[in-house]
């Protein structure tokens, strides 16, 4: 097959967040101008469409449904006949993949749950040290696993990494676009009560259902700055100005590792378990477990531990340099070219 068309099927929104969309944008950037890339999304909010358009990619909308067994029966009608198809989402399981393969498409799946049989030609999971035995696959499936295949936005590749931090004076908090548990507000208020001299940067999205409460917090606290739906370049700038990032073990933790910043992390969803285990085992971040269940005392114990130990902070920075080498885009593109 010698296709130049790529159809990327993913969704984003308040319920599922924007992680799938952002990973697919990262992969689309890796493919570059040699491919005609188009996103295929369910009828969605303007915010999702705006993010895709701002990244420079076209999109088409398909009917909204929760019946993905039904969608897989007609999805081929919305795909270009000769396209390479990329799937990222937990509703695109075995039957969905088989339907796309039956329609004659080469298929790539981004999957960090390894909970169903994979029929894709390539499966990508960049979440650290995952064993191939975790997956049930077809005979032809190739697995691209771990940090050598990081799906980072292009702005985070080949950065001049920070190598030393003296103390923590400014903290960045990022809990995903939807942040359904309102962790941004919870952790920010804990920090403000504990150390009022801190400066806080809160990274949020317009789809956050708690945005009004977080905005009010920022208005009442002169040391709190709110940053809504900002660009990758602005995210990098904030990370470079801050000394500590508090975030789930999602892609944002790997972006922080690419910049060089101390990290307190944990999980808010099952798909973050692989990366949380790997990034903390490597020493690149400090985990406090399930962020939705973490107590104020547990969190502040971890925060004070880093504040009082600059050596531990800089050990994190050194470990981050060992897991990100800036070559993942070349590796992924080379593998894709072998199948198209």
C-alpha atoms as a PDB file:
ATOM      1  CA  UNK A   1       0.000   0.000   0.000  1.00  0.00           C
ATOM      2  CA  UNK A   2       1.317   3.430  -0.909  1.00  0.00           C
ATOM      3  CA  UNK A   3      -1.132   5.841   0.655  1.00  0.00           C
ATOM      4  CA  UNK A   4      -0.662   9.521   1.328  1.00  0.00           C
ATOM      5  CA  UNK A   5      -4.017   9.940   3.095  1.00  0.00           C
ATOM      6  CA  UNK A   6      -4.276   9.558   6.869  1.00  0.00           C
ATOM      7  CA  UNK A   7      -7.636   9.489   8.686  1.00  0.00           C
ATOM      8  CA  UNK A   8      -7.342   9.892  12.464  1.00  0.00           C
ATOM      9  CA  UNK A   9     -10.356   8.722  14.459  1.00  0.00           C
ATOM     10  CA  UNK A  10     -10.445  10.172  17.969  1.00  0.00           C
ATOM     11  CA  UNK A  11     -12.698  12.249  20.198  1.00  0.00           C
ATOM     12  CA  UNK A  12     -12.346  14.812  22.966  1.00  0.00           C
ATOM     13  CA  UNK A  13     -14.582  16.624  25.403  1.00  0.00           C
ATOM     14  CA  UNK A  14     -15.609  17.116  28.999  1.00  0.00           C
ATOM     15  CA  UNK A  15     -16.202  13.424  29.707  1.00  0.00           C
ATOM     16  CA  UNK A  16     -13.077  11.942  28.117  1.00  0.00           C
ATOM     17  CA  UNK A  17     -10.760  14.954  28.169  1.00  0.00           C
ATOM     18  CA  UNK A  18      -8.401  16.006  25.405  1.00  0.00           C
ATOM     19  CA  UNK A  19      -5.615  13.453  25.819  1.00  0.00           C
ATOM     20  CA  UNK A  20      -6.563  11.366  22.790  1.00  0.00           C
ATOM     21  CA  UNK A  21      -6.767  14.429  20.562  1.00  0.00           C
ATOM     22  CA  UNK A  22      -3.450  15.830  21.777  1.00  0.00           C
ATOM     23  CA  UNK A  23      -1.618  12.526  21.273  1.00  0.00           C
ATOM     24  CA  UNK A  24      -3.008  12.289  17.765  1.00  0.00           C
ATOM     25  CA  UNK A  25      -1.924  15.841  16.986  1.00  0.00           C
ATOM     26  CA  UNK A  26       1.574  14.870  18.145  1.00  0.00           C
ATOM     27  CA  UNK A  27       1.566  11.832  15.854  1.00  0.00           C
ATOM     28  CA  UNK A  28       0.156  13.869  12.965  1.00  0.00           C
ATOM     29  CA  UNK A  29       2.999  16.352  13.351  1.00  0.00           C
ATOM     30  CA  UNK A  30       5.486  13.495  13.195  1.00  0.00           C
ATOM     31  CA  UNK A  31       4.040  12.368   9.858  1.00  0.00           C
ATOM     32  CA  UNK A  32       4.676  15.806   8.400  1.00  0.00           C
ATOM     33  CA  UNK A  33       3.765  17.309   5.053  1.00  0.00           C
ATOM     34  CA  UNK A  34       4.243  14.035   3.149  1.00  0.00           C
ATOM     35  CA  UNK A  35       0.763  12.919   4.246  1.00  0.00           C
ATOM     36  CA  UNK A  36      -2.715  14.377   3.762  1.00  0.00           C
ATOM     37  CA  UNK A  37      -4.007  14.242   7.328  1.00  0.00           C
ATOM     38  CA  UNK A  38      -7.625  14.551   8.389  1.00  0.00           C
ATOM     39  CA  UNK A  39      -9.265  14.062  11.788  1.00  0.00           C
ATOM     40  CA  UNK A  40     -12.562  12.180  12.011  1.00  0.00           C
ATOM     41  CA  UNK A  41     -14.446  13.163  15.167  1.00  0.00           C
ATOM     42  CA  UNK A  42     -17.945  12.816  16.542  1.00  0.00           C
ATOM     43  CA  UNK A  43     -19.999  15.992  16.519  1.00  0.00           C
ATOM     44  CA  UNK A  44     -18.180  17.943  19.165  1.00  0.00           C
ATOM     45  CA  UNK A  45     -17.677  21.232  20.958  1.00  0.00           C
ATOM     46  CA  UNK A  46     -16.101  24.235  19.288  1.00  0.00           C
ATOM     47  CA  UNK A  47     -13.180  23.883  21.686  1.00  0.00           C
ATOM     48  CA  UNK A  48     -12.184  20.471  20.281  1.00  0.00           C
ATOM     49  CA  UNK A  49     -12.527  21.629  16.693  1.00  0.00           C
ATOM     50  CA  UNK A  50     -10.579  24.806  17.440  1.00  0.00           C
ATOM     51  CA  UNK A  51      -7.644  22.843  18.891  1.00  0.00           C
ATOM     52  CA  UNK A  52      -7.474  20.597  15.813  1.00  0.00           C
ATOM     53  CA  UNK A  53      -7.703  23.552  13.440  1.00  0.00           C
ATOM     54  CA  UNK A  54      -5.100  25.537  15.389  1.00  0.00           C
ATOM     55  CA  UNK A  55      -2.709  22.612  14.946  1.00  0.00           C
ATOM     56  CA  UNK A  56      -3.153  22.968  11.181  1.00  0.00           C
ATOM     57  CA  UNK A  57      -5.314  19.917  10.448  1.00  0.00           C
ATOM     58  CA  UNK A  58      -8.656  19.438   8.720  1.00  0.00           C
ATOM     59  CA  UNK A  59     -11.514  17.519  10.316  1.00  0.00           C
ATOM     60  CA  UNK A  60     -14.858  15.973   9.436  1.00  0.00           C
ATOM     61  CA  UNK A  61     -17.653  15.277  11.886  1.00  0.00           C
ATOM     62  CA  UNK A  62     -19.663  12.078  12.132  1.00  0.00           C
ATOM     63  CA  UNK A  63     -22.920  11.494  14.067  1.00  0.00           C
ATOM     64  CA  UNK A  64     -22.636  11.432  17.863  1.00  0.00           C
ATOM     65  CA  UNK A  65     -23.319   8.037  19.432  1.00  0.00           C
ATOM     66  CA  UNK A  66     -22.375   5.866  22.390  1.00  0.00           C
ATOM     67  CA  UNK A  67     -23.054   2.716  20.373  1.00  0.00           C
ATOM     68  CA  UNK A  68     -19.597   2.030  18.967  1.00  0.00           C
ATOM     69  CA  UNK A  69     -20.532  -1.486  17.872  1.00  0.00           C
ATOM     70  CA  UNK A  70     -22.969   0.231  15.532  1.00  0.00           C
ATOM     71  CA  UNK A  71     -20.484   2.938  14.535  1.00  0.00           C
ATOM     72  CA  UNK A  72     -17.911   0.361  13.486  1.00  0.00           C
ATOM     73  CA  UNK A  73     -20.429  -0.980  10.955  1.00  0.00           C
ATOM     74  CA  UNK A  74     -20.521   2.327   9.080  1.00  0.00           C
ATOM     75  CA  UNK A  75     -17.241   4.031   9.954  1.00  0.00           C
ATOM     76  CA  UNK A  76     -15.740   2.944   6.619  1.00  0.00           C
ATOM     77  CA  UNK A  77     -18.235   5.284   4.911  1.00  0.00           C
ATOM     78  CA  UNK A  78     -16.468   8.236   6.560  1.00  0.00           C
ATOM     79  CA  UNK A  79     -12.930   7.082   5.729  1.00  0.00           C
ATOM     80  CA  UNK A  80     -11.141   7.694   2.463  1.00  0.00           C
ATOM     81  CA  UNK A  81     -10.820   4.374   0.613  1.00  0.00           C
ATOM     82  CA  UNK A  82      -7.024   4.412   0.465  1.00  0.00           C
ATOM     83  CA  UNK A  83      -6.287   5.942   3.855  1.00  0.00           C
ATOM     84  CA  UNK A  84      -4.029   4.866   6.666  1.00  0.00           C
ATOM     85  CA  UNK A  85      -6.303   4.898   9.730  1.00  0.00           C
ATOM     86  CA  UNK A  86      -5.162   5.867  13.227  1.00  0.00           C
ATOM     87  CA  UNK A  87      -7.380   5.086  16.226  1.00  0.00           C
ATOM     88  CA  UNK A  88      -7.005   6.581  19.694  1.00  0.00           C
ATOM     89  CA  UNK A  89      -9.782   5.889  22.171  1.00  0.00           C
ATOM     90  CA  UNK A  90     -11.076   3.188  24.478  1.00  0.00           C
ATOM     91  CA  UNK A  91     -14.220   2.575  22.457  1.00  0.00           C
ATOM     92  CA  UNK A  92     -12.297   1.387  19.387  1.00  0.00           C
ATOM     93  CA  UNK A  93     -11.908  -2.204  20.459  1.00  0.00           C
ATOM     94  CA  UNK A  94     -11.461  -5.522  18.616  1.00  0.00           C
ATOM     95  CA  UNK A  95     -14.609  -5.489  16.476  1.00  0.00           C
ATOM     96  CA  UNK A  96     -14.056  -1.862  15.515  1.00  0.00           C
ATOM     97  CA  UNK A  97     -10.496  -2.627  14.445  1.00  0.00           C
ATOM     98  CA  UNK A  98     -11.567  -5.709  12.488  1.00  0.00           C
ATOM     99  CA  UNK A  99     -14.155  -3.650  10.593  1.00  0.00           C
ATOM    100  CA  UNK A 100     -11.503  -1.166   9.498  1.00  0.00           C
ATOM    101  CA  UNK A 101      -9.095  -3.914   8.476  1.00  0.00           C
ATOM    102  CA  UNK A 102     -11.887  -5.655   6.537  1.00  0.00           C
ATOM    103  CA  UNK A 103     -12.419  -2.438   4.578  1.00  0.00           C
ATOM    104  CA  UNK A 104      -8.811  -2.658   3.372  1.00  0.00           C
ATOM    105  CA  UNK A 105      -7.134  -0.043   5.555  1.00  0.00           C
ATOM    106  CA  UNK A 106      -3.714  -0.125   7.143  1.00  0.00           C
ATOM    107  CA  UNK A 107      -4.369   0.501  10.833  1.00  0.00           C
ATOM    108  CA  UNK A 108      -2.440   2.066  13.719  1.00  0.00           C
ATOM    109  CA  UNK A 109      -3.857   1.990  17.251  1.00  0.00           C
ATOM    110  CA  UNK A 110      -2.682   4.116  20.164  1.00  0.00           C
ATOM    111  CA  UNK A 111      -3.531   2.024  23.213  1.00  0.00           C
ATOM    112  CA  UNK A 112      -2.369   2.234  26.820  1.00  0.00           C
ATOM    113  CA  UNK A 113      -4.933  -0.116  28.381  1.00  0.00           C
ATOM    114  CA  UNK A 114      -3.979  -3.439  26.656  1.00  0.00           C
ATOM    115  CA  UNK A 115      -7.430  -4.744  27.578  1.00  0.00           C
ATOM    116  CA  UNK A 116      -8.604  -6.293  24.281  1.00  0.00           C
ATOM    117  CA  UNK A 117      -7.104  -8.130  21.316  1.00  0.00           C
ATOM    118  CA  UNK A 118      -5.345  -5.819  18.880  1.00  0.00           C
ATOM    119  CA  UNK A 119      -5.875  -6.209  15.130  1.00  0.00           C
ATOM    120  CA  UNK A 120      -3.907  -3.106  14.160  1.00  0.00           C
ATOM    121  CA  UNK A 121      -0.763  -3.272  12.052  1.00  0.00           C
ATOM    122  CA  UNK A 122       1.029  -1.105  14.623  1.00  0.00           C
ATOM    123  CA  UNK A 123       0.159  -0.461  18.269  1.00  0.00           C
ATOM    124  CA  UNK A 124       1.809   2.466  20.066  1.00  0.00           C
ATOM    125  CA  UNK A 125       1.995   2.775  23.848  1.00  0.00           C
ATOM    126  CA  UNK A 126       4.581   5.286  25.041  1.00  0.00           C
ATOM    127  CA  UNK A 127       3.902   4.748  28.745  1.00  0.00           C
ATOM    128  CA  UNK A 128       7.254   3.500  29.951  1.00  0.00           C
ATOM    129  CA  UNK A 129       8.260  -0.098  30.641  1.00  0.00           C
ATOM    130  CA  UNK A 130       5.432  -2.183  29.191  1.00  0.00           C
ATOM    131  CA  UNK A 131       5.977  -5.834  28.365  1.00  0.00           C
ATOM    132  CA  UNK A 132       4.846  -7.106  24.963  1.00  0.00           C
ATOM    133  CA  UNK A 133       3.227  -9.994  26.821  1.00  0.00           C
ATOM    134  CA  UNK A 134       0.684  -7.501  28.211  1.00  0.00           C
ATOM    135  CA  UNK A 135      -0.930  -7.439  24.764  1.00  0.00           C
ATOM    136  CA  UNK A 136      -2.950  -9.994  22.839  1.00  0.00           C
ATOM    137  CA  UNK A 137      -2.329  -9.275  19.161  1.00  0.00           C
ATOM    138  CA  UNK A 138      -2.768 -10.571  15.648  1.00  0.00           C
ATOM    139  CA  UNK A 139       0.223 -12.339  14.094  1.00  0.00           C
ATOM    140  CA  UNK A 140       1.095  -9.299  11.974  1.00  0.00           C
ATOM    141  CA  UNK A 141       0.841  -6.656  14.725  1.00  0.00           C
ATOM    142  CA  UNK A 142       3.993  -4.733  15.598  1.00  0.00           C
ATOM    143  CA  UNK A 143       4.227  -3.200  19.072  1.00  0.00           C
ATOM    144  CA  UNK A 144       5.991   0.130  19.605  1.00  0.00           C
ATOM    145  CA  UNK A 145       6.245   0.301  23.374  1.00  0.00           C
ATOM    146  CA  UNK A 146       7.833   2.602  25.914  1.00  0.00           C
ATOM    147  CA  UNK A 147       9.660   5.901  25.999  1.00  0.00           C
ATOM    148  CA  UNK A 148      11.567   5.348  22.708  1.00  0.00           C
ATOM    149  CA  UNK A 149       8.184   5.948  21.010  1.00  0.00           C
ATOM    150  CA  UNK A 150       7.002   9.017  22.891  1.00  0.00           C
ATOM    151  CA  UNK A 151       4.090  10.895  21.351  1.00  0.00           C
ATOM    152  CA  UNK A 152       5.127  14.422  22.285  1.00  0.00           C
ATOM    153  CA  UNK A 153       4.082  17.570  20.486  1.00  0.00           C
ATOM    154  CA  UNK A 154       6.771  18.814  18.129  1.00  0.00           C
ATOM    155  CA  UNK A 155       7.575  21.807  20.325  1.00  0.00           C
ATOM    156  CA  UNK A 156       8.817  19.454  23.054  1.00  0.00           C
ATOM    157  CA  UNK A 157      11.346  17.673  20.871  1.00  0.00           C
ATOM    158  CA  UNK A 158      15.020  18.621  21.133  1.00  0.00           C
ATOM    159  CA  UNK A 159      14.567  21.274  23.813  1.00  0.00           C
ATOM    160  CA  UNK A 160      17.497  22.650  25.736  1.00  0.00           C
ATOM    161  CA  UNK A 161      16.724  20.824  28.977  1.00  0.00           C
ATOM    162  CA  UNK A 162      17.108  22.513  32.353  1.00  0.00           C
ATOM    163  CA  UNK A 163      19.671  20.696  34.503  1.00  0.00           C
ATOM    164  CA  UNK A 164      19.517  22.404  37.906  1.00  0.00           C
ATOM    165  CA  UNK A 165      16.917  23.856  40.297  1.00  0.00           C
ATOM    166  CA  UNK A 166      17.861  25.543  43.590  1.00  0.00           C
ATOM    167  CA  UNK A 167      14.478  25.897  45.291  1.00  0.00           C
ATOM    168  CA  UNK A 168      10.731  25.806  44.674  1.00  0.00           C
ATOM    169  CA  UNK A 169       9.177  29.253  44.479  1.00  0.00           C
ATOM    170  CA  UNK A 170       6.773  28.827  41.559  1.00  0.00           C
ATOM    171  CA  UNK A 171       4.493  25.833  40.944  1.00  0.00           C
ATOM    172  CA  UNK A 172       2.558  24.823  37.847  1.00  0.00           C
ATOM    173  CA  UNK A 173      -0.619  22.726  38.169  1.00  0.00           C
ATOM    174  CA  UNK A 174      -2.151  20.867  35.225  1.00  0.00           C
ATOM    175  CA  UNK A 175      -4.843  18.200  35.663  1.00  0.00           C
ATOM    176  CA  UNK A 176      -6.135  17.793  32.120  1.00  0.00           C
ATOM    177  CA  UNK A 177      -8.665  19.644  30.047  1.00  0.00           C
ATOM    178  CA  UNK A 178     -11.790  18.397  31.788  1.00  0.00           C
ATOM    179  CA  UNK A 179     -10.445  17.885  35.358  1.00  0.00           C
ATOM    180  CA  UNK A 180     -13.743  16.330  36.403  1.00  0.00           C
ATOM    181  CA  UNK A 181     -12.593  15.896  40.032  1.00  0.00           C
ATOM    182  CA  UNK A 182     -11.699  19.608  40.322  1.00  0.00           C
ATOM    183  CA  UNK A 183      -8.149  18.755  41.377  1.00  0.00           C
ATOM    184  CA  UNK A 184      -6.822  22.096  40.130  1.00  0.00           C
ATOM    185  CA  UNK A 185      -8.875  23.946  42.727  1.00  0.00           C
ATOM    186  CA  UNK A 186      -8.230  21.387  45.483  1.00  0.00           C
ATOM    187  CA  UNK A 187      -4.447  21.272  45.183  1.00  0.00           C
ATOM    188  CA  UNK A 188      -4.135  25.016  44.578  1.00  0.00           C
ATOM    189  CA  UNK A 189      -6.039  25.860  47.761  1.00  0.00           C
ATOM    190  CA  UNK A 190      -3.924  23.389  49.754  1.00  0.00           C
ATOM    191  CA  UNK A 191      -0.742  25.060  48.498  1.00  0.00           C
ATOM    192  CA  UNK A 192      -1.999  28.582  49.141  1.00  0.00           C
ATOM    193  CA  UNK A 193      -2.908  27.700  52.733  1.00  0.00           C
ATOM    194  CA  UNK A 194       0.372  25.881  53.321  1.00  0.00           C
ATOM    195  CA  UNK A 195       2.796  28.333  51.718  1.00  0.00           C
ATOM    196  CA  UNK A 196       1.171  31.691  50.854  1.00  0.00           C
ATOM    197  CA  UNK A 197       4.397  33.024  49.292  1.00  0.00           C
ATOM    198  CA  UNK A 198       4.210  30.530  46.418  1.00  0.00           C
ATOM    199  CA  UNK A 199       3.347  31.663  42.917  1.00  0.00           C
ATOM    200  CA  UNK A 200       0.929  29.313  41.170  1.00  0.00           C
ATOM    201  CA  UNK A 201       0.289  28.850  37.452  1.00  0.00           C
ATOM    202  CA  UNK A 202      -2.963  26.971  36.819  1.00  0.00           C
ATOM    203  CA  UNK A 203      -3.248  25.423  33.358  1.00  0.00           C
ATOM    204  CA  UNK A 204      -6.903  24.815  32.437  1.00  0.00           C
ATOM    205  CA  UNK A 205      -9.212  24.478  29.452  1.00  0.00           C
ATOM    206  CA  UNK A 206     -12.443  26.094  28.414  1.00  0.00           C
ATOM    207  CA  UNK A 207     -14.176  22.714  28.710  1.00  0.00           C
ATOM    208  CA  UNK A 208     -13.385  22.468  32.442  1.00  0.00           C
ATOM    209  CA  UNK A 209     -16.773  22.298  34.220  1.00  0.00           C
ATOM    210  CA  UNK A 210     -15.267  23.972  37.310  1.00  0.00           C
ATOM    211  CA  UNK A 211     -13.746  26.897  35.435  1.00  0.00           C
ATOM    212  CA  UNK A 212     -15.863  29.563  37.177  1.00  0.00           C
ATOM    213  CA  UNK A 213     -14.691  28.453  40.641  1.00  0.00           C
ATOM    214  CA  UNK A 214     -11.055  28.292  39.543  1.00  0.00           C
ATOM    215  CA  UNK A 215     -11.316  31.708  37.892  1.00  0.00           C
ATOM    216  CA  UNK A 216     -12.680  33.201  41.112  1.00  0.00           C
ATOM    217  CA  UNK A 217      -9.764  31.702  43.046  1.00  0.00           C
ATOM    218  CA  UNK A 218      -7.309  33.342  40.643  1.00  0.00           C
ATOM    219  CA  UNK A 219      -9.108  36.699  40.893  1.00  0.00           C
ATOM    220  CA  UNK A 220      -8.923  36.645  44.703  1.00  0.00           C
ATOM    221  CA  UNK A 221      -5.299  35.463  44.894  1.00  0.00           C
ATOM    222  CA  UNK A 222      -2.696  37.856  43.478  1.00  0.00           C
ATOM    223  CA  UNK A 223      -0.088  35.071  43.331  1.00  0.00           C
ATOM    224  CA  UNK A 224      -2.296  32.819  41.176  1.00  0.00           C
ATOM    225  CA  UNK A 225      -2.276  33.077  37.380  1.00  0.00           C
ATOM    226  CA  UNK A 226      -4.818  31.292  35.200  1.00  0.00           C
ATOM    227  CA  UNK A 227      -3.830  30.017  31.738  1.00  0.00           C
ATOM    228  CA  UNK A 228      -6.658  28.731  29.544  1.00  0.00           C
ATOM    229  CA  UNK A 229      -6.107  26.649  26.374  1.00  0.00           C
ATOM    230  CA  UNK A 230      -2.581  27.931  25.846  1.00  0.00           C
ATOM    231  CA  UNK A 231      -0.173  26.942  23.087  1.00  0.00           C
ATOM    232  CA  UNK A 232       2.605  24.392  23.452  1.00  0.00           C
ATOM    233  CA  UNK A 233       5.181  27.180  23.328  1.00  0.00           C
ATOM    234  CA  UNK A 234       3.462  28.934  26.218  1.00  0.00           C
ATOM    235  CA  UNK A 235       3.301  25.679  28.188  1.00  0.00           C
ATOM    236  CA  UNK A 236       7.052  25.291  27.733  1.00  0.00           C
ATOM    237  CA  UNK A 237       7.651  28.866  28.872  1.00  0.00           C
ATOM    238  CA  UNK A 238       5.609  28.326  32.041  1.00  0.00           C
ATOM    239  CA  UNK A 239       7.458  25.101  32.805  1.00  0.00           C
ATOM    240  CA  UNK A 240      10.781  26.841  32.348  1.00  0.00           C
ATOM    241  CA  UNK A 241       9.715  29.619  34.726  1.00  0.00           C
ATOM    242  CA  UNK A 242       8.392  27.182  37.366  1.00  0.00           C
ATOM    243  CA  UNK A 243      10.331  24.724  39.497  1.00  0.00           C
ATOM    244  CA  UNK A 244       7.605  22.159  40.224  1.00  0.00           C
ATOM    245  CA  UNK A 245       4.877  20.592  38.089  1.00  0.00           C
ATOM    246  CA  UNK A 246       1.918  18.868  39.755  1.00  0.00           C
ATOM    247  CA  UNK A 247       0.044  16.709  37.268  1.00  0.00           C
ATOM    248  CA  UNK A 248      -1.314  13.235  36.470  1.00  0.00           C
ATOM    249  CA  UNK A 249       0.992  10.663  34.883  1.00  0.00           C
ATOM    250  CA  UNK A 250      -0.431  11.512  31.472  1.00  0.00           C
ATOM    251  CA  UNK A 251       1.436  13.062  28.552  1.00  0.00           C
ATOM    252  CA  UNK A 252       1.891  16.323  30.468  1.00  0.00           C
ATOM    253  CA  UNK A 253       4.276  14.524  32.851  1.00  0.00           C
ATOM    254  CA  UNK A 254       6.397  13.467  29.873  1.00  0.00           C
ATOM    255  CA  UNK A 255       6.299  16.971  28.418  1.00  0.00           C
ATOM    256  CA  UNK A 256       7.544  18.234  31.770  1.00  0.00           C
ATOM    257  CA  UNK A 257      10.336  15.680  31.658  1.00  0.00           C
ATOM    258  CA  UNK A 258      11.320  16.975  28.226  1.00  0.00           C
ATOM    259  CA  UNK A 259      11.645  20.514  29.615  1.00  0.00           C
ATOM    260  CA  UNK A 260      13.293  19.604  32.920  1.00  0.00           C
ATOM    261  CA  UNK A 261      11.143  20.343  35.958  1.00  0.00           C
ATOM    262  CA  UNK A 262      10.548  18.651  39.295  1.00  0.00           C
ATOM    263  CA  UNK A 263       7.332  16.612  39.173  1.00  0.00           C
ATOM    264  CA  UNK A 264       4.782  15.362  41.699  1.00  0.00           C
ATOM    265  CA  UNK A 265       2.454  12.985  39.907  1.00  0.00           C
ATOM    266  CA  UNK A 266      -0.085  10.207  40.357  1.00  0.00           C
ATOM    267  CA  UNK A 267      -3.099   8.802  38.548  1.00  0.00           C
ATOM    268  CA  UNK A 268      -6.614   9.968  37.797  1.00  0.00           C
ATOM    269  CA  UNK A 269      -7.470   7.137  35.368  1.00  0.00           C
ATOM    270  CA  UNK A 270      -6.424   3.528  34.725  1.00  0.00           C
ATOM    271  CA  UNK A 271      -4.704   4.357  31.444  1.00  0.00           C
ATOM    272  CA  UNK A 272      -2.059   6.333  33.384  1.00  0.00           C
ATOM    273  CA  UNK A 273      -0.874   3.353  35.439  1.00  0.00           C
ATOM    274  CA  UNK A 274       1.870   2.203  33.047  1.00  0.00           C
ATOM    275  CA  UNK A 275       3.480   5.609  32.807  1.00  0.00           C
ATOM    276  CA  UNK A 276       3.065   6.362  36.515  1.00  0.00           C
ATOM    277  CA  UNK A 277       4.877   3.163  37.442  1.00  0.00           C
ATOM    278  CA  UNK A 278       7.642   3.756  34.904  1.00  0.00           C
ATOM    279  CA  UNK A 279       8.284   7.456  35.441  1.00  0.00           C
ATOM    280  CA  UNK A 280       8.467   7.062  39.215  1.00  0.00           C
ATOM    281  CA  UNK A 281      10.586   3.896  39.044  1.00  0.00           C
ATOM    282  CA  UNK A 282      13.046   5.774  36.837  1.00  0.00           C
ATOM    283  CA  UNK A 283      13.287   8.534  39.454  1.00  0.00           C
ATOM    284  CA  UNK A 284      11.999  11.196  37.067  1.00  0.00           C
ATOM    285  CA  UNK A 285       8.950  12.021  39.219  1.00  0.00           C
ATOM    286  CA  UNK A 286       7.515  11.496  42.694  1.00  0.00           C
ATOM    287  CA  UNK A 287       4.173   9.672  42.832  1.00  0.00           C
ATOM    288  CA  UNK A 288       1.514  10.224  45.488  1.00  0.00           C
ATOM    289  CA  UNK A 289      -0.774   7.503  44.103  1.00  0.00           C
ATOM    290  CA  UNK A 290      -4.406   8.076  43.199  1.00  0.00           C
ATOM    291  CA  UNK A 291      -4.701  11.862  42.959  1.00  0.00           C
ATOM    292  CA  UNK A 292      -8.465  11.740  43.413  1.00  0.00           C
ATOM    293  CA  UNK A 293      -8.034  10.045  46.816  1.00  0.00           C
ATOM    294  CA  UNK A 294      -4.865  11.743  48.015  1.00  0.00           C
ATOM    295  CA  UNK A 295      -5.292  13.563  51.333  1.00  0.00           C
ATOM    296  CA  UNK A 296      -4.030  17.056  52.065  1.00  0.00           C
ATOM    297  CA  UNK A 297      -1.516  15.615  54.520  1.00  0.00           C
ATOM    298  CA  UNK A 298      -0.145  13.097  51.986  1.00  0.00           C
ATOM    299  CA  UNK A 299       0.233  15.758  49.326  1.00  0.00           C
ATOM    300  CA  UNK A 300       1.919  18.327  51.563  1.00  0.00           C
ATOM    301  CA  UNK A 301       4.303  15.676  52.899  1.00  0.00           C
ATOM    302  CA  UNK A 302       5.501  15.052  49.318  1.00  0.00           C
ATOM    303  CA  UNK A 303       5.623  18.780  48.581  1.00  0.00           C
ATOM    304  CA  UNK A 304       7.707  19.553  51.678  1.00  0.00           C
ATOM    305  CA  UNK A 305       9.988  16.617  50.923  1.00  0.00           C
ATOM    306  CA  UNK A 306      10.972  18.162  47.594  1.00  0.00           C
ATOM    307  CA  UNK A 307      11.094  21.705  48.966  1.00  0.00           C
ATOM    308  CA  UNK A 308      13.576  20.588  51.612  1.00  0.00           C
ATOM    309  CA  UNK A 309      15.784  18.466  49.381  1.00  0.00           C
ATOM    310  CA  UNK A 310      17.290  20.194  46.342  1.00  0.00           C
ATOM    311  CA  UNK A 311      19.402  17.109  45.689  1.00  0.00           C
ATOM    312  CA  UNK A 312      16.247  15.028  45.182  1.00  0.00           C
ATOM    313  CA  UNK A 313      14.861  17.619  42.778  1.00  0.00           C
ATOM    314  CA  UNK A 314      17.994  17.533  40.667  1.00  0.00           C
ATOM    315  CA  UNK A 315      18.094  13.751  40.710  1.00  0.00           C
ATOM    316  CA  UNK A 316      14.693  13.939  39.018  1.00  0.00           C
ATOM    317  CA  UNK A 317      16.084  16.221  36.315  1.00  0.00           C
ATOM    318  CA  UNK A 318      18.975  13.831  35.698  1.00  0.00           C
ATOM    319  CA  UNK A 319      16.598  10.861  35.470  1.00  0.00           C
ATOM    320  CA  UNK A 320      14.349  12.730  33.028  1.00  0.00           C
ATOM    321  CA  UNK A 321      17.287  13.115  30.669  1.00  0.00           C
ATOM    322  CA  UNK A 322      17.661   9.326  30.539  1.00  0.00           C
ATOM    323  CA  UNK A 323      14.085   8.597  29.429  1.00  0.00           C
ATOM    324  CA  UNK A 324      13.690  11.217  26.686  1.00  0.00           C
ATOM    325  CA  UNK A 325      16.214  11.374  23.869  1.00  0.00           C
ATOM    326  CA  UNK A 326      14.276  13.453  21.300  1.00  0.00           C
ATOM    327  CA  UNK A 327      14.402  10.714  18.643  1.00  0.00           C
ATOM    328  CA  UNK A 328      10.947   9.173  19.045  1.00  0.00           C
ATOM    329  CA  UNK A 329       9.496  10.966  16.005  1.00  0.00           C
ATOM    330  CA  UNK A 330      12.166   9.484  13.731  1.00  0.00           C
ATOM    331  CA  UNK A 331      11.590   5.994  15.121  1.00  0.00           C
ATOM    332  CA  UNK A 332       7.817   6.148  14.719  1.00  0.00           C
ATOM    333  CA  UNK A 333       7.954   7.606  11.224  1.00  0.00           C
ATOM    334  CA  UNK A 334      10.418   4.921  10.106  1.00  0.00           C
ATOM    335  CA  UNK A 335       8.067   2.173  11.322  1.00  0.00           C
ATOM    336  CA  UNK A 336       5.053   3.734   9.620  1.00  0.00           C
ATOM    337  CA  UNK A 337       6.868   4.066   6.316  1.00  0.00           C
ATOM    338  CA  UNK A 338       7.500   0.327   6.378  1.00  0.00           C
ATOM    339  CA  UNK A 339       3.750  -0.411   6.244  1.00  0.00           C
ATOM    340  CA  UNK A 340       2.575   2.304   3.843  1.00  0.00           C
END
